């Protein structure tokens, strides 16, 4: 299945009636600057659908996109942004946790985006444990795979798999569109 139509609906920071519609939700979550917004742009073949920035912490709310008039992509704020104030980090954590773990909304899938070069950090592993605890279906995207040296590729992916556990891991490059078909097949 490919993406034929996309529409930005709105940004939210708490419960919203748009999420009460009977439309499957696919949430994109990960550390700040892991490439969640760029990943959504790549999947939808649109450069500016989701706002991106080289500066971590750009996404401050949950941005909702209607895909093919059939499902939602939700671009969540990044976690772990150290340069933000304690208050800002706490607010972003509240938005993420409120949607994923405290709300009545159910996600069809949760796509956890990690940087393929860096691998899963402790915050990513903690997120995986929380998602597992709450019975979420998780797909891990090892983003920026084109930045990994060919000689390190297999070893890095094996290390990521060992840390992440039984969840599917899809190597991805937003620039070269590596993994796009595989990820669309997995989430749609």
C-alpha atoms as a PDB file:
ATOM      1  CA  UNK A   1       0.000   0.000   0.000  1.00  0.00           C
ATOM      2  CA  UNK A   2       1.302   3.434  -0.846  1.00  0.00           C
ATOM      3  CA  UNK A   3       0.312   6.850   0.385  1.00  0.00           C
ATOM      4  CA  UNK A   4      -1.861   8.747  -2.073  1.00  0.00           C
ATOM      5  CA  UNK A   5      -3.181  11.569   0.115  1.00  0.00           C
ATOM      6  CA  UNK A   6      -2.020  13.387   3.219  1.00  0.00           C
ATOM      7  CA  UNK A   7      -3.404  16.227   5.251  1.00  0.00           C
ATOM      8  CA  UNK A   8      -2.137  17.990   8.360  1.00  0.00           C
ATOM      9  CA  UNK A   9      -5.120  18.198  10.701  1.00  0.00           C
ATOM     10  CA  UNK A  10      -3.854  19.920  13.842  1.00  0.00           C
ATOM     11  CA  UNK A  11      -1.431  19.954  16.733  1.00  0.00           C
ATOM     12  CA  UNK A  12      -2.689  18.940  20.173  1.00  0.00           C
ATOM     13  CA  UNK A  13      -1.263  18.763  23.689  1.00  0.00           C
ATOM     14  CA  UNK A  14      -4.010  16.726  25.331  1.00  0.00           C
ATOM     15  CA  UNK A  15      -7.236  14.829  24.648  1.00  0.00           C
ATOM     16  CA  UNK A  16      -9.004  15.860  21.452  1.00  0.00           C
ATOM     17  CA  UNK A  17     -12.208  14.804  19.691  1.00  0.00           C
ATOM     18  CA  UNK A  18     -10.350  14.180  16.403  1.00  0.00           C
ATOM     19  CA  UNK A  19      -8.735  11.127  18.052  1.00  0.00           C
ATOM     20  CA  UNK A  20     -12.115   9.774  19.115  1.00  0.00           C
ATOM     21  CA  UNK A  21     -13.029   8.957  15.525  1.00  0.00           C
ATOM     22  CA  UNK A  22     -12.745   5.312  14.594  1.00  0.00           C
ATOM     23  CA  UNK A  23      -9.552   5.873  12.579  1.00  0.00           C
ATOM     24  CA  UNK A  24      -6.425   3.763  13.250  1.00  0.00           C
ATOM     25  CA  UNK A  25      -3.586   5.710  14.875  1.00  0.00           C
ATOM     26  CA  UNK A  26       0.113   5.170  14.192  1.00  0.00           C
ATOM     27  CA  UNK A  27       2.289   7.054  16.670  1.00  0.00           C
ATOM     28  CA  UNK A  28       5.888   8.059  15.923  1.00  0.00           C
ATOM     29  CA  UNK A  29       7.992   8.495  19.058  1.00  0.00           C
ATOM     30  CA  UNK A  30      11.722   8.791  19.798  1.00  0.00           C
ATOM     31  CA  UNK A  31      14.484  10.957  21.197  1.00  0.00           C
ATOM     32  CA  UNK A  32      14.755  14.541  20.072  1.00  0.00           C
ATOM     33  CA  UNK A  33      16.437  14.794  16.678  1.00  0.00           C
ATOM     34  CA  UNK A  34      16.045  11.079  15.885  1.00  0.00           C
ATOM     35  CA  UNK A  35      14.276  12.062  12.658  1.00  0.00           C
ATOM     36  CA  UNK A  36      10.582  11.389  13.388  1.00  0.00           C
ATOM     37  CA  UNK A  37       9.296  14.343  11.344  1.00  0.00           C
ATOM     38  CA  UNK A  38      11.703  13.639   8.476  1.00  0.00           C
ATOM     39  CA  UNK A  39      10.558  10.015   8.524  1.00  0.00           C
ATOM     40  CA  UNK A  40       6.911  11.073   8.154  1.00  0.00           C
ATOM     41  CA  UNK A  41       7.886  13.376   5.270  1.00  0.00           C
ATOM     42  CA  UNK A  42       9.764  10.527   3.610  1.00  0.00           C
ATOM     43  CA  UNK A  43       6.893   8.066   4.016  1.00  0.00           C
ATOM     44  CA  UNK A  44       4.419  10.549   2.537  1.00  0.00           C
ATOM     45  CA  UNK A  45       6.775  11.746  -0.232  1.00  0.00           C
ATOM     46  CA  UNK A  46       6.354  15.333   0.941  1.00  0.00           C
ATOM     47  CA  UNK A  47       9.254  17.518   1.996  1.00  0.00           C
ATOM     48  CA  UNK A  48       7.384  19.903   4.256  1.00  0.00           C
ATOM     49  CA  UNK A  49       4.363  18.043   5.617  1.00  0.00           C
ATOM     50  CA  UNK A  50       5.888  17.605   9.067  1.00  0.00           C
ATOM     51  CA  UNK A  51       8.044  20.532  10.183  1.00  0.00           C
ATOM     52  CA  UNK A  52      11.692  19.601  10.600  1.00  0.00           C
ATOM     53  CA  UNK A  53      14.664  21.378  12.070  1.00  0.00           C
ATOM     54  CA  UNK A  54      18.330  20.699  12.694  1.00  0.00           C
ATOM     55  CA  UNK A  55      17.706  21.956  16.192  1.00  0.00           C
ATOM     56  CA  UNK A  56      16.398  19.277  18.595  1.00  0.00           C
ATOM     57  CA  UNK A  57      13.064  19.850  20.293  1.00  0.00           C
ATOM     58  CA  UNK A  58      11.242  21.506  17.385  1.00  0.00           C
ATOM     59  CA  UNK A  59       8.054  19.434  17.820  1.00  0.00           C
ATOM     60  CA  UNK A  60       6.328  20.663  20.974  1.00  0.00           C
ATOM     61  CA  UNK A  61       2.906  19.059  20.503  1.00  0.00           C
ATOM     62  CA  UNK A  62       1.366  15.991  18.897  1.00  0.00           C
ATOM     63  CA  UNK A  63       0.934  16.759  15.199  1.00  0.00           C
ATOM     64  CA  UNK A  64      -1.833  14.749  13.548  1.00  0.00           C
ATOM     65  CA  UNK A  65      -1.787  13.841   9.860  1.00  0.00           C
ATOM     66  CA  UNK A  66      -4.620  12.107   8.012  1.00  0.00           C
ATOM     67  CA  UNK A  67      -3.194   9.508   5.622  1.00  0.00           C
ATOM     68  CA  UNK A  68      -5.220   8.170   2.662  1.00  0.00           C
ATOM     69  CA  UNK A  69      -8.392   9.241   4.507  1.00  0.00           C
ATOM     70  CA  UNK A  70      -7.890   5.966   6.388  1.00  0.00           C
ATOM     71  CA  UNK A  71      -5.419   6.388   9.270  1.00  0.00           C
ATOM     72  CA  UNK A  72      -3.601   8.955  11.364  1.00  0.00           C
ATOM     73  CA  UNK A  73       0.134   9.442  11.681  1.00  0.00           C
ATOM     74  CA  UNK A  74       0.892  11.155  14.991  1.00  0.00           C
ATOM     75  CA  UNK A  75       4.236  12.942  15.262  1.00  0.00           C
ATOM     76  CA  UNK A  76       4.971  13.092  18.994  1.00  0.00           C
ATOM     77  CA  UNK A  77       7.473  15.458  20.615  1.00  0.00           C
ATOM     78  CA  UNK A  78      10.939  14.030  21.176  1.00  0.00           C
ATOM     79  CA  UNK A  79      12.080  13.009  24.613  1.00  0.00           C
ATOM     80  CA  UNK A  80      15.426  13.566  26.281  1.00  0.00           C
ATOM     81  CA  UNK A  81      16.229  17.030  24.943  1.00  0.00           C
ATOM     82  CA  UNK A  82      18.834  18.237  27.452  1.00  0.00           C
ATOM     83  CA  UNK A  83      18.964  21.908  26.400  1.00  0.00           C
ATOM     84  CA  UNK A  84      15.312  22.516  27.219  1.00  0.00           C
ATOM     85  CA  UNK A  85      14.370  23.789  30.648  1.00  0.00           C
ATOM     86  CA  UNK A  86      13.276  21.299  33.281  1.00  0.00           C
ATOM     87  CA  UNK A  87       9.754  22.718  32.971  1.00  0.00           C
ATOM     88  CA  UNK A  88       9.691  22.273  29.185  1.00  0.00           C
ATOM     89  CA  UNK A  89      11.022  18.701  29.422  1.00  0.00           C
ATOM     90  CA  UNK A  90       8.394  17.877  32.041  1.00  0.00           C
ATOM     91  CA  UNK A  91       5.633  19.314  29.836  1.00  0.00           C
ATOM     92  CA  UNK A  92       6.777  17.344  26.780  1.00  0.00           C
ATOM     93  CA  UNK A  93       6.988  14.158  28.860  1.00  0.00           C
ATOM     94  CA  UNK A  94       3.455  14.818  30.093  1.00  0.00           C
ATOM     95  CA  UNK A  95       2.189  15.182  26.497  1.00  0.00           C
ATOM     96  CA  UNK A  96       3.915  11.942  25.383  1.00  0.00           C
ATOM     97  CA  UNK A  97       2.918   9.864  28.410  1.00  0.00           C
ATOM     98  CA  UNK A  98      -0.581  11.322  28.492  1.00  0.00           C
ATOM     99  CA  UNK A  99      -1.251  10.203  24.940  1.00  0.00           C
ATOM    100  CA  UNK A 100       0.544   6.846  24.952  1.00  0.00           C
ATOM    101  CA  UNK A 101      -0.126   5.561  28.460  1.00  0.00           C
ATOM    102  CA  UNK A 102      -2.834   7.549  30.236  1.00  0.00           C
ATOM    103  CA  UNK A 103      -5.428   8.245  27.534  1.00  0.00           C
ATOM    104  CA  UNK A 104      -8.165   5.998  26.181  1.00  0.00           C
ATOM    105  CA  UNK A 105      -6.696   6.272  22.661  1.00  0.00           C
ATOM    106  CA  UNK A 106      -5.367   3.068  21.158  1.00  0.00           C
ATOM    107  CA  UNK A 107      -2.578   2.955  18.636  1.00  0.00           C
ATOM    108  CA  UNK A 108      -2.505   0.421  15.833  1.00  0.00           C
ATOM    109  CA  UNK A 109       1.291   0.639  16.012  1.00  0.00           C
ATOM    110  CA  UNK A 110       3.907   2.682  17.810  1.00  0.00           C
ATOM    111  CA  UNK A 111       6.937   3.425  15.650  1.00  0.00           C
ATOM    112  CA  UNK A 112       9.986   4.039  17.848  1.00  0.00           C
ATOM    113  CA  UNK A 113      12.603   5.953  15.875  1.00  0.00           C
ATOM    114  CA  UNK A 114      16.248   5.566  16.880  1.00  0.00           C
ATOM    115  CA  UNK A 115      19.418   6.918  15.299  1.00  0.00           C
ATOM    116  CA  UNK A 116      21.056   3.907  13.591  1.00  0.00           C
ATOM    117  CA  UNK A 117      24.565   5.251  14.254  1.00  0.00           C
ATOM    118  CA  UNK A 118      23.982   5.827  17.965  1.00  0.00           C
ATOM    119  CA  UNK A 119      21.679   2.875  18.615  1.00  0.00           C
ATOM    120  CA  UNK A 120      19.103   2.660  21.372  1.00  0.00           C
ATOM    121  CA  UNK A 121      20.008   4.763  24.399  1.00  0.00           C
ATOM    122  CA  UNK A 122      18.744   4.111  27.927  1.00  0.00           C
ATOM    123  CA  UNK A 123      15.786   6.463  27.338  1.00  0.00           C
ATOM    124  CA  UNK A 124      14.822   4.444  24.239  1.00  0.00           C
ATOM    125  CA  UNK A 125      15.065   1.159  26.154  1.00  0.00           C
ATOM    126  CA  UNK A 126      12.977   2.657  28.967  1.00  0.00           C
ATOM    127  CA  UNK A 127      10.377   3.710  26.375  1.00  0.00           C
ATOM    128  CA  UNK A 128      10.328   0.192  24.928  1.00  0.00           C
ATOM    129  CA  UNK A 129       9.739  -1.270  28.420  1.00  0.00           C
ATOM    130  CA  UNK A 130       6.864   1.165  29.016  1.00  0.00           C
ATOM    131  CA  UNK A 131       5.323   0.405  25.622  1.00  0.00           C
ATOM    132  CA  UNK A 132       5.609  -3.333  26.316  1.00  0.00           C
ATOM    133  CA  UNK A 133       4.096  -2.911  29.790  1.00  0.00           C
ATOM    134  CA  UNK A 134       1.091  -1.182  28.212  1.00  0.00           C
ATOM    135  CA  UNK A 135       0.700  -3.833  25.497  1.00  0.00           C
ATOM    136  CA  UNK A 136       1.645  -1.609  22.555  1.00  0.00           C
ATOM    137  CA  UNK A 137       2.628  -3.118  19.210  1.00  0.00           C
ATOM    138  CA  UNK A 138       6.097  -1.695  18.543  1.00  0.00           C
ATOM    139  CA  UNK A 139       8.053  -1.261  15.323  1.00  0.00           C
ATOM    140  CA  UNK A 140      11.584   0.118  15.658  1.00  0.00           C
ATOM    141  CA  UNK A 141      13.038   2.222  12.864  1.00  0.00           C
ATOM    142  CA  UNK A 142      16.836   2.451  12.767  1.00  0.00           C
ATOM    143  CA  UNK A 143      16.891   5.821  11.026  1.00  0.00           C
ATOM    144  CA  UNK A 144      19.835   7.424   9.238  1.00  0.00           C
ATOM    145  CA  UNK A 145      21.120   3.963   8.243  1.00  0.00           C
ATOM    146  CA  UNK A 146      22.908   5.548   5.287  1.00  0.00           C
ATOM    147  CA  UNK A 147      25.291   7.185   7.785  1.00  0.00           C
ATOM    148  CA  UNK A 148      26.497   3.794   9.093  1.00  0.00           C
ATOM    149  CA  UNK A 149      29.688   2.482   7.489  1.00  0.00           C
ATOM    150  CA  UNK A 150      29.114  -0.597   5.343  1.00  0.00           C
ATOM    151  CA  UNK A 151      31.717  -2.494   7.353  1.00  0.00           C
ATOM    152  CA  UNK A 152      29.792  -1.778  10.587  1.00  0.00           C
ATOM    153  CA  UNK A 153      26.262  -2.280   9.217  1.00  0.00           C
ATOM    154  CA  UNK A 154      25.639  -5.933  10.170  1.00  0.00           C
ATOM    155  CA  UNK A 155      27.316  -5.644  13.560  1.00  0.00           C
ATOM    156  CA  UNK A 156      25.390  -2.463  14.470  1.00  0.00           C
ATOM    157  CA  UNK A 157      22.046  -3.970  13.506  1.00  0.00           C
ATOM    158  CA  UNK A 158      22.823  -7.135  15.474  1.00  0.00           C
ATOM    159  CA  UNK A 159      23.710  -5.001  18.515  1.00  0.00           C
ATOM    160  CA  UNK A 160      20.472  -3.035  18.134  1.00  0.00           C
ATOM    161  CA  UNK A 161      18.442  -6.271  17.888  1.00  0.00           C
ATOM    162  CA  UNK A 162      20.075  -7.648  21.018  1.00  0.00           C
ATOM    163  CA  UNK A 163      19.164  -4.538  23.024  1.00  0.00           C
ATOM    164  CA  UNK A 164      15.684  -4.037  21.582  1.00  0.00           C
ATOM    165  CA  UNK A 165      14.410  -7.597  21.805  1.00  0.00           C
ATOM    166  CA  UNK A 166      11.704  -9.254  19.712  1.00  0.00           C
ATOM    167  CA  UNK A 167      10.323  -6.178  17.973  1.00  0.00           C
ATOM    168  CA  UNK A 168      10.737  -5.669  14.214  1.00  0.00           C
ATOM    169  CA  UNK A 169      13.637  -3.359  13.334  1.00  0.00           C
ATOM    170  CA  UNK A 170      13.545  -1.632   9.971  1.00  0.00           C
ATOM    171  CA  UNK A 171      16.755   0.022   8.720  1.00  0.00           C
ATOM    172  CA  UNK A 172      15.739   3.351   7.175  1.00  0.00           C
ATOM    173  CA  UNK A 173      17.157   6.315   5.316  1.00  0.00           C
ATOM    174  CA  UNK A 174      14.932   9.331   4.760  1.00  0.00           C
ATOM    175  CA  UNK A 175      17.384  10.678   2.189  1.00  0.00           C
ATOM    176  CA  UNK A 176      17.743   7.498   0.142  1.00  0.00           C
ATOM    177  CA  UNK A 177      14.303   6.051   0.970  1.00  0.00           C
ATOM    178  CA  UNK A 178      15.883   2.797   2.139  1.00  0.00           C
ATOM    179  CA  UNK A 179      13.292   0.794   4.078  1.00  0.00           C
ATOM    180  CA  UNK A 180      10.285   2.859   2.954  1.00  0.00           C
ATOM    181  CA  UNK A 181       8.326  -0.024   1.380  1.00  0.00           C
ATOM    182  CA  UNK A 182       9.098  -2.327   4.308  1.00  0.00           C
ATOM    183  CA  UNK A 183       7.936   0.220   6.872  1.00  0.00           C
ATOM    184  CA  UNK A 184       4.746   1.064   4.974  1.00  0.00           C
ATOM    185  CA  UNK A 185       3.958  -2.651   4.714  1.00  0.00           C
ATOM    186  CA  UNK A 186       4.531  -3.046   8.465  1.00  0.00           C
ATOM    187  CA  UNK A 187       2.396  -0.102   9.617  1.00  0.00           C
ATOM    188  CA  UNK A 188      -0.396   0.199   7.032  1.00  0.00           C
END
